[in-house]
Amino acid sequence: MHADLSRSTFRPERHYSAVVAQQGRVQLDADLNEQTAIQLHQARTLAADLIGRHGGPSGATGFRIEYRGGTHDLDTLRIHGGRYYVDGILCDADRPAPGTPVPDDDAEEPPVPEADDFWDYWNQPDGVRDPERPGDRLPSPAQSPFVACLTVWERAVCAAEDPALREVALGAALPDTAVRTKVVWQVLPVTLSALGVEDAKPSPQAVRDAFEEWARAESAPTAHLAARGERPEHADDDPCLVHPDAHYRGPENQLYRVEVHADGGAEDATFKWSRENGSVVFPVDELDGTWVRLASLGLDSKLDLEVGDRVEFTDTAHASRREAQPLLRVEELDLPGRRVRLSAEPEQRVGRLPHLHPFLRRWDHHDGPRRQGRTTALKGGAVPVTEGEWIPLEDGVEIYFAEGGAYRTGDHWLIPARTATGGVEWATDAARRPLLQAPAGIARHFAPLALITGEGDTVDLRYAFGPLAAELPPVEQAPKSAAPRGRSRTKAAARTAEEGDK
């Protein structure tokens, strides 16, 4: 998540069950966040073990899908309310009821609008679709049957995206407090051809089986990265060995974030990086061409904007879509007016609606890495991916992309750098060679909701589960014989097991 963290320490393979505070010790954000992660991991693992890969409670199973053919090719889906679990993650499709305003004494009271009990495909809370973009429109089910797929992932939300998170009593001069992690769900179409299903009207189980194979491939990590301190020129000839003299030379502790910007293979993919985990954001008050007026220019010289900085202009809708926006350069600052001039005007469909809370996110690469006396040119404001060689970031921090990777926008790696050790915290083998690691996120989860082959022809693909609790029998109906105690009980259990084996 994009947040001002010291580091992220939760590792499920360590099997820690709790974080225990000690008296008189320094309290760190990483300890508190690890306790939260442990509890969340336990709860979701238990839910997935009991429910299965996906399912909803009987009587309140959410995400029932209705296909509605429209005019001018604007077909839509109705997404009905309720709850559904995907890999143990709770997804809630209930639509909040509109509030009732206080009536005006001098005017006729307007009628209270009726609230829909469903979401529309075009106005999903975290999956805003644009009718003007052909890629956002639903396939024609008569020509290309498709599965309504529930896509689930999580992202961090800060006060720049949700102003209600900020405590106004702290004043505008103080930083915000904690961020929130939000479950993002989106109902999107996946054609049968994409699932590898050739039959125009396959059985529900055949669709589920094909979907599971597709989901496993979509959620599997497709790129790997390693990190290290800079390798001095006098090191030995092994290009994978970290020399004891290698060190991080930055003046402060940092949490570097390397994030995929444009997706694709190595020839097309780009990345961006931040020494603050991408947490430096600026709420946008107004956009006028290339000039952007901000709510604040930053809290100090470390967290402000300077000419030459690379920024990403986006909003909550496009952040949830995981779309890479062009990384623009700050060309001019107007400090009294809290304005910055960007190198180009942001895209027309991004950041124009105030209720979507547009914001700027700062990234810390100014130019491409300098190697062999030359500086690598940026592509769309981001750094091109180069596989099979070490890429310098700054202050001795270097990264390495494994060959043959497929890169997805939003996938990222976190690299803590510490002045006390002069190095970066990264797993190594016995020879101190950095280990290639899969991204820390984004974790993607999928579930099939409905197979749609035409108007009024929808096959429900959801699962439902009932409650575990049952009514207790009356006392007089309770078993009158109890299991024998001690050794006799053990013998009785052994006899039962033997009978079961027979």
Protein backbone atom coordinates (compact mmCIF):
# COMPACT_ATOMS: atom_id res chain seq x y z
CA MET A 1 0.00 0.00 0.00
CA HIS A 2 1.04 3.61 -0.56
CA ALA A 3 1.60 4.75 3.02
CA ASP A 4 4.35 6.41 5.08
CA LEU A 5 5.69 3.22 6.66
CA SER A 6 9.03 2.34 8.21
CA ARG A 7 8.81 -1.17 6.73
CA SER A 8 6.41 -4.09 6.27
CA THR A 9 7.35 -7.10 8.42
CA PHE A 10 4.46 -9.58 8.11
CA ARG A 11 5.54 -12.87 6.53
CA PRO A 12 2.99 -15.72 6.72
CA GLU A 13 5.73 -18.35 6.40
CA ARG A 14 7.09 -17.30 9.82
CA HIS A 15 3.87 -18.55 11.48
CA TYR A 16 3.75 -15.83 14.14
CA SER A 17 0.42 -15.77 15.98
CA ALA A 18 0.69 -12.44 17.82
CA VAL A 19 2.84 -9.37 18.45
CA VAL A 20 3.57 -8.91 22.16
CA ALA A 21 4.55 -5.42 23.38
CA GLN A 22 7.29 -5.06 26.00
CA GLN A 23 7.48 -2.38 28.66
CA GLY A 24 9.83 0.53 28.15
CA ARG A 25 10.36 -0.24 24.45
CA VAL A 26 9.94 2.01 21.44
CA GLN A 27 6.64 1.46 19.67
CA LEU A 28 6.95 1.14 15.87
CA ASP A 29 4.31 1.32 13.18
CA ALA A 30 5.63 -1.98 11.77
CA ASP A 31 4.73 -3.86 14.99
CA LEU A 32 1.17 -2.57 15.07
CA ASN A 33 0.70 -3.21 11.35
CA GLU A 34 2.06 -6.75 11.68
CA GLN A 35 -0.44 -7.56 14.43
CA THR A 36 -3.24 -6.34 12.18
CA ALA A 37 -1.89 -8.40 9.29
CA ILE A 38 -1.64 -11.53 11.46
CA GLN A 39 -5.26 -11.26 12.59
CA LEU A 40 -6.47 -10.53 9.07
CA HIS A 41 -4.53 -13.48 7.69
CA GLN A 42 -5.95 -15.82 10.33
CA ALA A 43 -9.54 -14.64 9.82
CA ARG A 44 -9.40 -14.89 6.03
CA THR A 45 -7.65 -18.25 6.07
CA LEU A 46 -10.33 -19.63 8.40
CA ALA A 47 -13.11 -18.20 6.22
CA ALA A 48 -11.59 -19.67 3.06
CA ASP A 49 -11.10 -23.07 4.72
CA LEU A 50 -14.73 -23.21 5.84
CA ILE A 51 -16.40 -21.58 2.82
CA GLY A 52 -14.11 -22.62 -0.01
CA ARG A 53 -12.65 -20.44 -2.74
CA HIS A 54 -15.81 -18.33 -2.93
CA GLY A 55 -19.37 -18.32 -1.66
CA GLY A 56 -22.06 -16.30 0.06
CA PRO A 57 -24.38 -16.82 3.05
CA SER A 58 -27.68 -18.46 2.20
CA GLY A 59 -30.46 -15.87 2.20
CA ALA A 60 -28.02 -12.97 1.86
CA THR A 61 -25.84 -14.11 -1.04
CA GLY A 62 -24.76 -11.01 -2.87
CA PHE A 63 -23.79 -10.19 -6.43
CA ARG A 64 -26.77 -11.70 -8.23
CA ILE A 65 -26.35 -10.59 -11.84
CA GLU A 66 -29.04 -9.45 -14.27
CA TYR A 67 -28.16 -8.67 -17.86
CA ARG A 68 -30.07 -5.76 -19.41
CA GLY A 69 -29.76 -5.06 -23.12
CA GLY A 70 -29.76 -1.34 -23.81
CA THR A 71 -29.94 1.08 -26.70
CA HIS A 72 -26.94 2.44 -28.61
CA ASP A 73 -24.88 -0.61 -27.59
CA LEU A 74 -24.92 0.42 -23.91
CA ASP A 75 -25.85 -2.92 -22.39
CA THR A 76 -25.57 -3.13 -18.64
CA LEU A 77 -25.56 -5.45 -15.65
CA ARG A 78 -27.49 -5.11 -12.44
CA ILE A 79 -25.44 -6.14 -9.42
CA HIS A 80 -27.76 -6.98 -6.54
CA GLY A 81 -26.86 -6.48 -2.89
CA GLY A 82 -25.64 -8.93 -0.31
CA ARG A 83 -22.36 -10.45 0.83
CA TYR A 84 -19.89 -12.72 -0.91
CA TYR A 85 -16.52 -14.11 0.13
CA VAL A 86 -13.62 -14.54 -2.29
CA ASP A 87 -10.56 -16.34 -0.87
CA GLY A 88 -11.87 -15.40 2.58
CA ILE A 89 -12.20 -11.68 1.72
CA LEU A 90 -15.60 -10.19 2.49
CA CYS A 91 -17.17 -8.25 -0.40
CA ASP A 92 -20.29 -6.23 0.39
CA ALA A 93 -22.56 -5.22 -2.50
CA ASP A 94 -25.28 -3.54 -0.43
CA ARG A 95 -26.01 -0.02 -1.59
CA PRO A 96 -26.26 2.65 1.14
CA ALA A 97 -29.63 4.35 1.43
CA PRO A 98 -29.62 8.09 0.62
CA GLY A 99 -29.89 10.38 3.60
CA THR A 100 -33.01 12.41 4.36
CA PRO A 101 -32.35 16.17 4.52
CA VAL A 102 -33.95 18.47 7.07
CA PRO A 103 -37.02 20.04 5.41
CA ASP A 104 -36.95 23.71 4.49
CA ASP A 105 -39.62 25.75 6.35
CA ASP A 106 -40.18 28.12 3.41
CA ALA A 107 -40.27 25.63 0.59
CA GLU A 108 -42.30 22.63 -0.37
CA GLU A 109 -40.65 19.45 0.87
CA PRO A 110 -39.17 17.56 -2.10
CA PRO A 111 -40.01 13.89 -2.42
CA VAL A 112 -37.46 11.50 -0.95
CA PRO A 113 -35.81 9.61 -3.81
CA GLU A 114 -36.22 5.87 -3.79
CA ALA A 115 -32.96 4.02 -3.33
CA ASP A 116 -32.00 1.27 -5.74
CA ASP A 117 -31.12 -2.02 -4.09
CA PHE A 118 -28.56 -2.78 -6.79
CA TRP A 119 -25.49 -1.31 -8.44
CA ASP A 120 -25.30 -0.73 -12.15
CA TYR A 121 -22.34 -1.92 -14.23
CA TRP A 122 -21.64 1.69 -15.19
CA ASN A 123 -21.65 3.15 -11.66
CA GLN A 124 -19.94 0.51 -9.54
CA PRO A 125 -18.47 2.13 -6.40
CA ASP A 126 -14.87 1.14 -7.21
CA GLY A 127 -15.16 0.19 -10.86
CA VAL A 128 -16.31 3.31 -12.67
CA ARG A 129 -16.84 2.52 -16.35
CA ASP A 130 -16.78 5.10 -19.15
CA PRO A 131 -19.45 4.63 -21.90
CA GLU A 132 -17.25 6.62 -24.29
CA ARG A 133 -14.49 4.01 -24.10
CA PRO A 134 -15.23 0.99 -26.31
CA GLY A 135 -13.03 -1.20 -24.09
CA ASP A 136 -15.35 -0.55 -21.13
CA ARG A 137 -18.48 -1.76 -22.90
CA LEU A 138 -19.89 -5.23 -22.36
CA PRO A 139 -19.45 -7.80 -25.13
CA SER A 140 -22.54 -8.70 -27.12
CA PRO A 141 -23.54 -12.02 -25.50
CA ALA A 142 -25.17 -13.25 -28.72
CA GLN A 143 -21.82 -12.97 -30.50
CA SER A 144 -19.44 -13.51 -27.58
CA PRO A 145 -20.89 -15.15 -24.44
CA PHE A 146 -19.13 -13.98 -21.31
CA VAL A 147 -18.80 -14.61 -17.59
CA ALA A 148 -19.53 -11.80 -15.14
CA CYS A 149 -16.37 -11.98 -13.05
CA LEU A 150 -15.95 -10.57 -9.55
CA THR A 151 -12.43 -9.11 -9.33
CA VAL A 152 -11.18 -8.31 -5.82
CA TRP A 153 -8.04 -6.60 -4.56
CA GLU A 154 -7.02 -4.10 -1.86
CA ARG A 155 -5.50 -0.65 -1.91
CA ALA A 156 -4.59 2.03 0.59
CA VAL A 157 -6.76 5.15 0.93
CA CYS A 158 -5.27 8.29 2.47
CA ALA A 159 -6.79 11.62 3.48
CA ALA A 160 -6.09 13.07 0.03
CA GLU A 161 -8.57 10.57 -1.41
CA ASP A 162 -11.03 10.62 1.51
CA PRO A 163 -10.96 13.96 3.36
CA ALA A 164 -13.14 12.50 6.14
CA LEU A 165 -10.07 10.63 7.39
CA ARG A 166 -8.35 13.86 8.42
CA GLU A 167 -8.90 15.13 11.97
CA VAL A 168 -9.49 18.85 11.43
CA ALA A 169 -8.76 19.57 15.10
CA LEU A 170 -5.09 18.81 14.38
CA GLY A 171 -4.92 21.77 12.02
CA ALA A 172 -3.81 22.00 8.42
CA ALA A 173 -0.13 22.28 9.38
CA LEU A 174 0.03 18.80 10.91
CA PRO A 175 0.29 15.59 8.88
CA ASP A 176 -2.58 13.21 8.49
CA THR A 177 -2.85 10.15 10.71
CA ALA A 178 -3.45 6.54 9.68
CA VAL A 179 -4.46 5.41 6.21
CA ARG A 180 -7.14 2.82 5.51
CA THR A 181 -7.01 -0.41 3.52
CA LYS A 182 -10.01 -0.81 1.26
CA VAL A 183 -11.38 -3.93 -0.40
CA VAL A 184 -11.98 -3.01 -4.03
CA TRP A 185 -14.49 -5.15 -5.92
CA GLN A 186 -15.36 -4.84 -9.58
CA VAL A 187 -17.71 -6.85 -11.79
CA LEU A 188 -16.08 -7.18 -15.20
CA PRO A 189 -16.71 -9.37 -18.25
CA VAL A 190 -14.47 -12.29 -19.24
CA THR A 191 -15.35 -13.90 -22.55
CA LEU A 192 -15.60 -17.66 -22.95
CA SER A 193 -12.84 -17.49 -25.56
CA ALA A 194 -10.52 -15.92 -22.96
CA LEU A 195 -11.32 -18.85 -20.67
CA GLY A 196 -10.53 -21.33 -23.44
CA VAL A 197 -14.15 -22.56 -23.68
CA GLU A 198 -15.23 -23.26 -27.26
CA ASP A 199 -18.76 -24.50 -26.60
CA ALA A 200 -21.26 -21.63 -26.98
CA LYS A 201 -23.49 -23.09 -24.22
CA PRO A 202 -21.25 -25.05 -21.88
CA SER A 203 -22.38 -26.61 -18.63
CA PRO A 204 -21.99 -24.50 -15.45
CA GLN A 205 -19.36 -26.88 -14.07
CA ALA A 206 -17.32 -26.70 -17.28
CA VAL A 207 -17.33 -22.91 -17.01
CA ARG A 208 -16.32 -23.03 -13.33
CA ASP A 209 -13.43 -25.42 -14.09
CA ALA A 210 -12.17 -23.27 -16.96
CA PHE A 211 -12.53 -20.15 -14.84
CA GLU A 212 -10.46 -21.66 -12.01
CA GLU A 213 -7.58 -22.38 -14.39
CA TRP A 214 -7.79 -18.84 -15.79
CA ALA A 215 -7.92 -17.31 -12.29
CA ARG A 216 -4.85 -19.24 -11.14
CA ALA A 217 -2.88 -17.93 -14.11
CA GLU A 218 -4.12 -14.36 -13.61
CA SER A 219 -3.27 -14.28 -9.90
CA ALA A 220 0.14 -15.97 -10.12
CA PRO A 221 3.22 -13.69 -9.87
CA THR A 222 4.76 -13.07 -13.27
CA ALA A 223 7.86 -10.98 -12.47
CA HIS A 224 10.67 -11.23 -9.92
CA LEU A 225 13.11 -8.68 -8.55
CA ALA A 226 16.17 -8.55 -6.28
CA ALA A 227 17.77 -5.59 -4.49
CA ARG A 228 21.17 -4.82 -2.97
CA GLY A 229 23.58 -2.08 -1.95
CA GLU A 230 25.91 -0.76 -4.62
CA ARG A 231 28.70 -3.06 -5.69
CA PRO A 232 32.12 -1.38 -5.53
CA GLU A 233 34.43 -1.47 -8.53
CA HIS A 234 37.07 -3.55 -6.68
CA ALA A 235 34.64 -6.42 -5.94
CA ASP A 236 35.38 -9.85 -7.37
CA ASP A 237 34.04 -11.00 -10.71
CA ASP A 238 30.90 -12.77 -9.46
CA PRO A 239 28.06 -10.42 -10.60
CA CYS A 240 25.58 -11.89 -8.09
CA LEU A 241 27.71 -11.61 -4.95
CA VAL A 242 27.20 -8.75 -2.50
CA HIS A 243 30.61 -7.52 -1.41
CA PRO A 244 31.07 -6.60 2.29
CA ASP A 245 32.04 -3.08 1.24
CA ALA A 246 28.73 -2.51 -0.56
CA HIS A 247 26.65 0.04 1.31
CA TYR A 248 23.66 2.33 1.30
CA ARG A 249 24.83 5.96 1.36
CA GLY A 250 21.55 7.80 1.94
CA PRO A 251 21.32 10.33 4.79
CA GLU A 252 18.07 8.88 6.21
CA ASN A 253 16.27 5.59 6.65
CA GLN A 254 13.95 5.00 3.70
CA LEU A 255 11.40 2.51 2.43
CA TYR A 256 11.93 2.34 -1.31
CA ARG A 257 9.01 1.30 -3.45
CA VAL A 258 9.60 -0.03 -6.97
CA GLU A 259 6.28 -0.22 -8.80
CA VAL A 260 5.39 -1.37 -12.31
CA HIS A 261 3.92 1.54 -14.27
CA ALA A 262 3.15 0.36 -17.81
CA ASP A 263 2.51 -3.37 -18.14
CA GLY A 264 3.61 -5.90 -20.73
CA GLY A 265 6.83 -7.70 -21.50
CA ALA A 266 10.28 -6.30 -20.77
CA GLU A 267 10.32 -4.46 -24.10
CA ASP A 268 7.16 -2.49 -23.21
CA ALA A 269 7.06 -2.37 -19.40
CA THR A 270 8.22 0.58 -17.31
CA PHE A 271 8.59 1.20 -13.61
CA LYS A 272 8.69 4.10 -11.17
CA TRP A 273 10.19 4.35 -7.71
CA SER A 274 9.78 6.33 -4.52
CA ARG A 275 11.96 6.60 -1.44
CA GLU A 276 8.80 7.29 0.63
CA ASN A 277 6.80 4.22 -0.46
CA GLY A 278 4.77 6.42 -2.82
CA SER A 279 3.08 8.12 0.14
CA VAL A 280 3.75 11.76 -0.85
CA VAL A 281 0.41 12.95 -2.28
CA PHE A 282 -1.19 16.36 -2.77
CA PRO A 283 -4.97 16.90 -2.98
CA VAL A 284 -5.97 18.91 -6.05
CA ASP A 285 -8.33 21.85 -5.65
CA GLU A 286 -8.47 22.98 -9.28
CA LEU A 287 -7.09 22.07 -12.71
CA ASP A 288 -6.63 24.76 -15.37
CA GLY A 289 -4.79 23.43 -18.39
CA THR A 290 -1.29 22.58 -17.25
CA TRP A 291 -1.67 24.55 -14.00
CA VAL A 292 -2.78 22.59 -10.92
CA ARG A 293 -3.83 24.33 -7.70
CA LEU A 294 -3.17 22.17 -4.66
CA ALA A 295 -4.62 22.13 -1.17
CA SER A 296 -1.03 22.17 0.13
CA LEU A 297 2.47 22.21 -1.32
CA GLY A 298 3.82 19.87 1.35
CA LEU A 299 4.67 19.85 5.03
CA ASP A 300 8.45 20.33 4.78
CA SER A 301 11.33 20.30 2.30
CA LYS A 302 11.40 16.50 2.33
CA LEU A 303 7.72 16.06 1.49
CA ASP A 304 7.12 18.96 -0.89
CA LEU A 305 7.39 19.48 -4.64
CA GLU A 306 10.35 20.86 -6.55
CA VAL A 307 10.90 21.74 -10.19
CA GLY A 308 11.92 18.56 -11.99
CA ASP A 309 9.86 16.18 -9.83
CA ARG A 310 7.83 13.51 -11.58
CA VAL A 311 4.17 13.37 -10.55
CA GLU A 312 1.17 11.23 -11.40
CA PHE A 313 -2.15 13.06 -11.79
CA THR A 314 -5.02 10.72 -11.01
CA ASP A 315 -8.20 10.30 -8.93
CA THR A 316 -9.87 7.61 -6.85
CA ALA A 317 -11.72 6.09 -9.81
CA HIS A 318 -8.63 5.63 -11.96
CA ALA A 319 -6.55 4.50 -8.99
CA SER A 320 -9.09 1.70 -8.52
CA ARG A 321 -8.89 0.85 -12.22
CA ARG A 322 -5.11 0.35 -11.86
CA GLU A 323 -4.49 2.43 -14.95
CA ALA A 324 -1.06 3.95 -15.53
CA GLN A 325 -1.34 7.70 -16.07
CA PRO A 326 1.50 9.63 -17.76
CA LEU A 327 4.15 10.75 -15.29
CA LEU A 328 4.42 14.49 -15.81
CA ARG A 329 7.28 16.81 -14.88
CA VAL A 330 6.88 19.80 -12.55
CA GLU A 331 8.02 22.78 -14.63
CA GLU A 332 7.17 25.74 -12.41
CA LEU A 333 6.06 26.50 -8.85
CA ASP A 334 3.76 29.30 -7.69
CA LEU A 335 4.18 29.11 -3.93
CA PRO A 336 1.78 31.95 -2.90
CA GLY A 337 -0.95 30.51 -5.12
CA ARG A 338 -0.22 26.87 -4.17
CA ARG A 339 0.05 26.06 -7.87
CA VAL A 340 2.35 23.96 -10.00
CA ARG A 341 2.71 23.92 -13.77
CA LEU A 342 3.07 20.50 -15.33
CA SER A 343 4.88 19.55 -18.52
CA ALA A 344 1.59 18.58 -20.20
CA GLU A 345 -2.14 18.74 -19.56
CA PRO A 346 -3.50 15.58 -17.87
CA GLU A 347 -5.82 13.35 -19.85
CA GLN A 348 -9.31 14.76 -20.32
CA ARG A 349 -11.16 11.93 -18.59
CA VAL A 350 -9.00 12.01 -15.44
CA GLY A 351 -9.38 14.29 -12.42
CA ARG A 352 -12.17 16.50 -13.75
CA LEU A 353 -14.83 15.44 -11.21
CA PRO A 354 -14.34 16.86 -7.68
CA HIS A 355 -16.26 14.04 -6.00
CA LEU A 356 -13.58 11.61 -7.26
CA HIS A 357 -10.94 13.58 -5.29
CA PRO A 358 -8.14 14.17 -7.82
CA PHE A 359 -4.61 14.23 -6.43
CA LEU A 360 -0.94 14.31 -7.40
CA ARG A 361 1.39 11.51 -6.32
CA ARG A 362 5.12 12.27 -6.30
CA TRP A 363 7.69 9.78 -7.57
CA ASP A 364 11.39 10.28 -6.95
CA HIS A 365 13.10 9.37 -10.21
CA HIS A 366 13.97 12.50 -12.19
CA ASP A 367 15.79 10.80 -15.06
CA GLY A 368 16.57 7.28 -16.14
CA PRO A 369 19.49 5.43 -14.50
CA ARG A 370 22.97 6.45 -15.56
CA ARG A 371 25.11 3.54 -16.78
CA GLN A 372 28.38 3.49 -18.70
CA GLY A 373 28.40 7.27 -18.89
CA ARG A 374 24.93 7.52 -20.45
CA THR A 375 21.51 8.27 -19.00
CA THR A 376 18.64 6.01 -19.99
CA ALA A 377 15.78 7.93 -21.59
CA LEU A 378 12.41 7.78 -19.82
CA LYS A 379 9.33 6.36 -21.54
CA GLY A 380 6.11 8.19 -20.69
CA GLY A 381 7.91 9.67 -17.70
CA ALA A 382 8.74 6.22 -16.27
CA VAL A 383 11.92 4.12 -16.32
CA PRO A 384 12.10 1.33 -18.94
CA VAL A 385 12.48 -2.18 -17.53
CA THR A 386 15.85 -3.77 -18.28
CA GLU A 387 16.18 -7.43 -17.39
CA GLY A 388 19.29 -9.36 -16.43
CA GLU A 389 21.41 -6.48 -15.11
CA TRP A 390 21.62 -4.29 -12.03
CA ILE A 391 19.80 -0.94 -12.30
CA PRO A 392 20.93 1.88 -9.98
CA LEU A 393 18.25 3.92 -8.19
CA GLU A 394 20.11 6.30 -5.84
CA ASP A 395 22.53 6.35 -2.90
CA GLY A 396 23.83 2.85 -3.62
CA VAL A 397 20.44 1.09 -3.96
CA GLU A 398 20.25 -1.18 -7.00
CA ILE A 399 17.57 -3.50 -8.35
CA TYR A 400 17.62 -6.50 -10.68
CA PHE A 401 14.73 -7.78 -12.81
CA ALA A 402 14.81 -11.50 -13.64
CA GLU A 403 14.65 -12.37 -17.32
CA GLY A 404 11.41 -13.55 -18.91
CA GLY A 405 9.05 -11.55 -16.71
CA ALA A 406 5.55 -10.35 -17.59
CA TYR A 407 4.80 -7.09 -15.77
CA ARG A 408 1.43 -5.90 -14.44
CA THR A 409 0.59 -2.32 -13.54
CA GLY A 410 0.57 -1.85 -9.77
CA ASP A 411 2.81 -4.79 -8.86
CA HIS A 412 5.48 -3.54 -6.47
CA TRP A 413 8.41 -4.42 -4.22
CA LEU A 414 9.44 -2.76 -0.93
CA ILE A 415 13.12 -2.20 -0.08
CA PRO A 416 13.98 -0.88 3.42
CA ALA A 417 17.31 1.01 3.47
CA ARG A 418 18.99 1.68 6.82
CA THR A 419 21.76 4.10 7.74
CA ALA A 420 22.71 2.07 10.85
CA THR A 421 23.83 -0.88 8.73
CA GLY A 422 24.60 0.97 5.53
CA GLY A 423 22.59 -1.57 3.59
CA VAL A 424 19.20 -2.64 2.39
CA GLU A 425 17.09 -5.33 4.07
CA TRP A 426 16.75 -8.07 1.47
CA ALA A 427 16.85 -11.86 1.73
CA THR A 428 20.09 -13.50 0.58
CA ASP A 429 21.43 -17.03 0.32
CA ALA A 430 24.40 -18.49 2.23
CA ALA A 431 26.81 -16.79 -0.20
CA ARG A 432 25.09 -13.45 0.42
CA ARG A 433 23.59 -13.36 -3.05
CA PRO A 434 20.27 -11.45 -3.19
CA LEU A 435 17.27 -13.69 -3.76
CA LEU A 436 14.73 -12.98 -6.46
CA GLN A 437 11.32 -12.30 -4.95
CA ALA A 438 7.77 -12.07 -6.27
CA PRO A 439 5.94 -8.75 -5.85
CA ALA A 440 4.67 -7.77 -2.39
CA GLY A 441 1.38 -6.95 -4.15
CA ILE A 442 -1.07 -6.49 -5.76
CA ALA A 443 -2.83 -9.73 -4.72
CA ARG A 444 -5.65 -10.36 -7.18
CA HIS A 445 -8.66 -12.59 -6.45
CA PHE A 446 -11.42 -13.73 -8.83
CA ALA A 447 -14.80 -15.47 -8.64
CA PRO A 448 -17.35 -16.33 -11.37
CA LEU A 449 -20.81 -14.86 -10.82
CA ALA A 450 -22.91 -15.62 -13.90
CA LEU A 451 -22.65 -16.97 -17.45
CA ILE A 452 -24.43 -14.64 -19.85
CA THR A 453 -25.33 -15.94 -23.30
CA GLY A 454 -28.17 -13.59 -24.25
CA GLU A 455 -31.06 -11.42 -23.14
CA GLY A 456 -32.78 -13.16 -20.24
CA ASP A 457 -30.39 -16.09 -20.48
CA THR A 458 -28.21 -15.96 -17.37
CA VAL A 459 -26.79 -18.99 -15.57
CA ASP A 460 -25.94 -18.37 -11.92
CA LEU A 461 -22.42 -19.56 -11.05
CA ARG A 462 -22.33 -18.49 -7.40
CA TYR A 463 -22.08 -20.81 -4.40
CA ALA A 464 -24.03 -20.45 -1.13
CA PHE A 465 -23.48 -21.87 2.33
CA GLY A 466 -25.80 -22.27 5.30
CA PRO A 467 -25.22 -21.52 8.99
CA LEU A 468 -23.31 -24.01 11.11
CA ALA A 469 -25.39 -23.45 14.24
CA ALA A 470 -28.39 -25.71 14.97
CA GLU A 471 -31.05 -25.90 17.66
CA LEU A 472 -30.03 -27.71 20.84
CA PRO A 473 -32.11 -30.84 21.58
CA PRO A 474 -34.22 -30.89 24.75
CA VAL A 475 -32.57 -32.30 27.87
CA GLU A 476 -34.78 -35.40 27.89
CA GLN A 477 -33.63 -36.23 24.35
CA ALA A 478 -29.93 -35.99 25.14
CA PRO A 479 -27.90 -39.22 24.78
CA LYS A 480 -28.26 -41.28 27.95
CA SER A 481 -24.95 -43.11 27.60
CA ALA A 482 -21.65 -41.31 27.79
CA ALA A 483 -18.35 -42.44 26.39
CA PRO A 484 -16.37 -44.59 28.90
CA ARG A 485 -13.68 -42.80 30.86
CA GLY A 486 -9.96 -43.41 31.02
CA ARG A 487 -8.56 -46.60 29.51
CA SER A 488 -11.97 -48.04 28.58
CA ARG A 489 -12.68 -44.88 26.57
CA THR A 490 -9.48 -45.34 24.66
CA LYS A 491 -10.39 -48.95 23.86
CA ALA A 492 -13.83 -47.88 22.68
CA ALA A 493 -12.29 -45.30 20.36
CA ALA A 494 -9.86 -47.92 19.01
CA ARG A 495 -12.73 -50.33 18.29
CA THR A 496 -14.62 -47.59 16.45
CA ALA A 497 -11.55 -46.78 14.33
CA GLU A 498 -11.06 -50.50 13.51
CA GLU A 499 -14.69 -50.84 12.43
CA GLY A 500 -14.29 -47.76 10.22
CA ASP A 501 -11.21 -49.25 8.56
CA LYS A 502 -13.13 -52.45 7.81
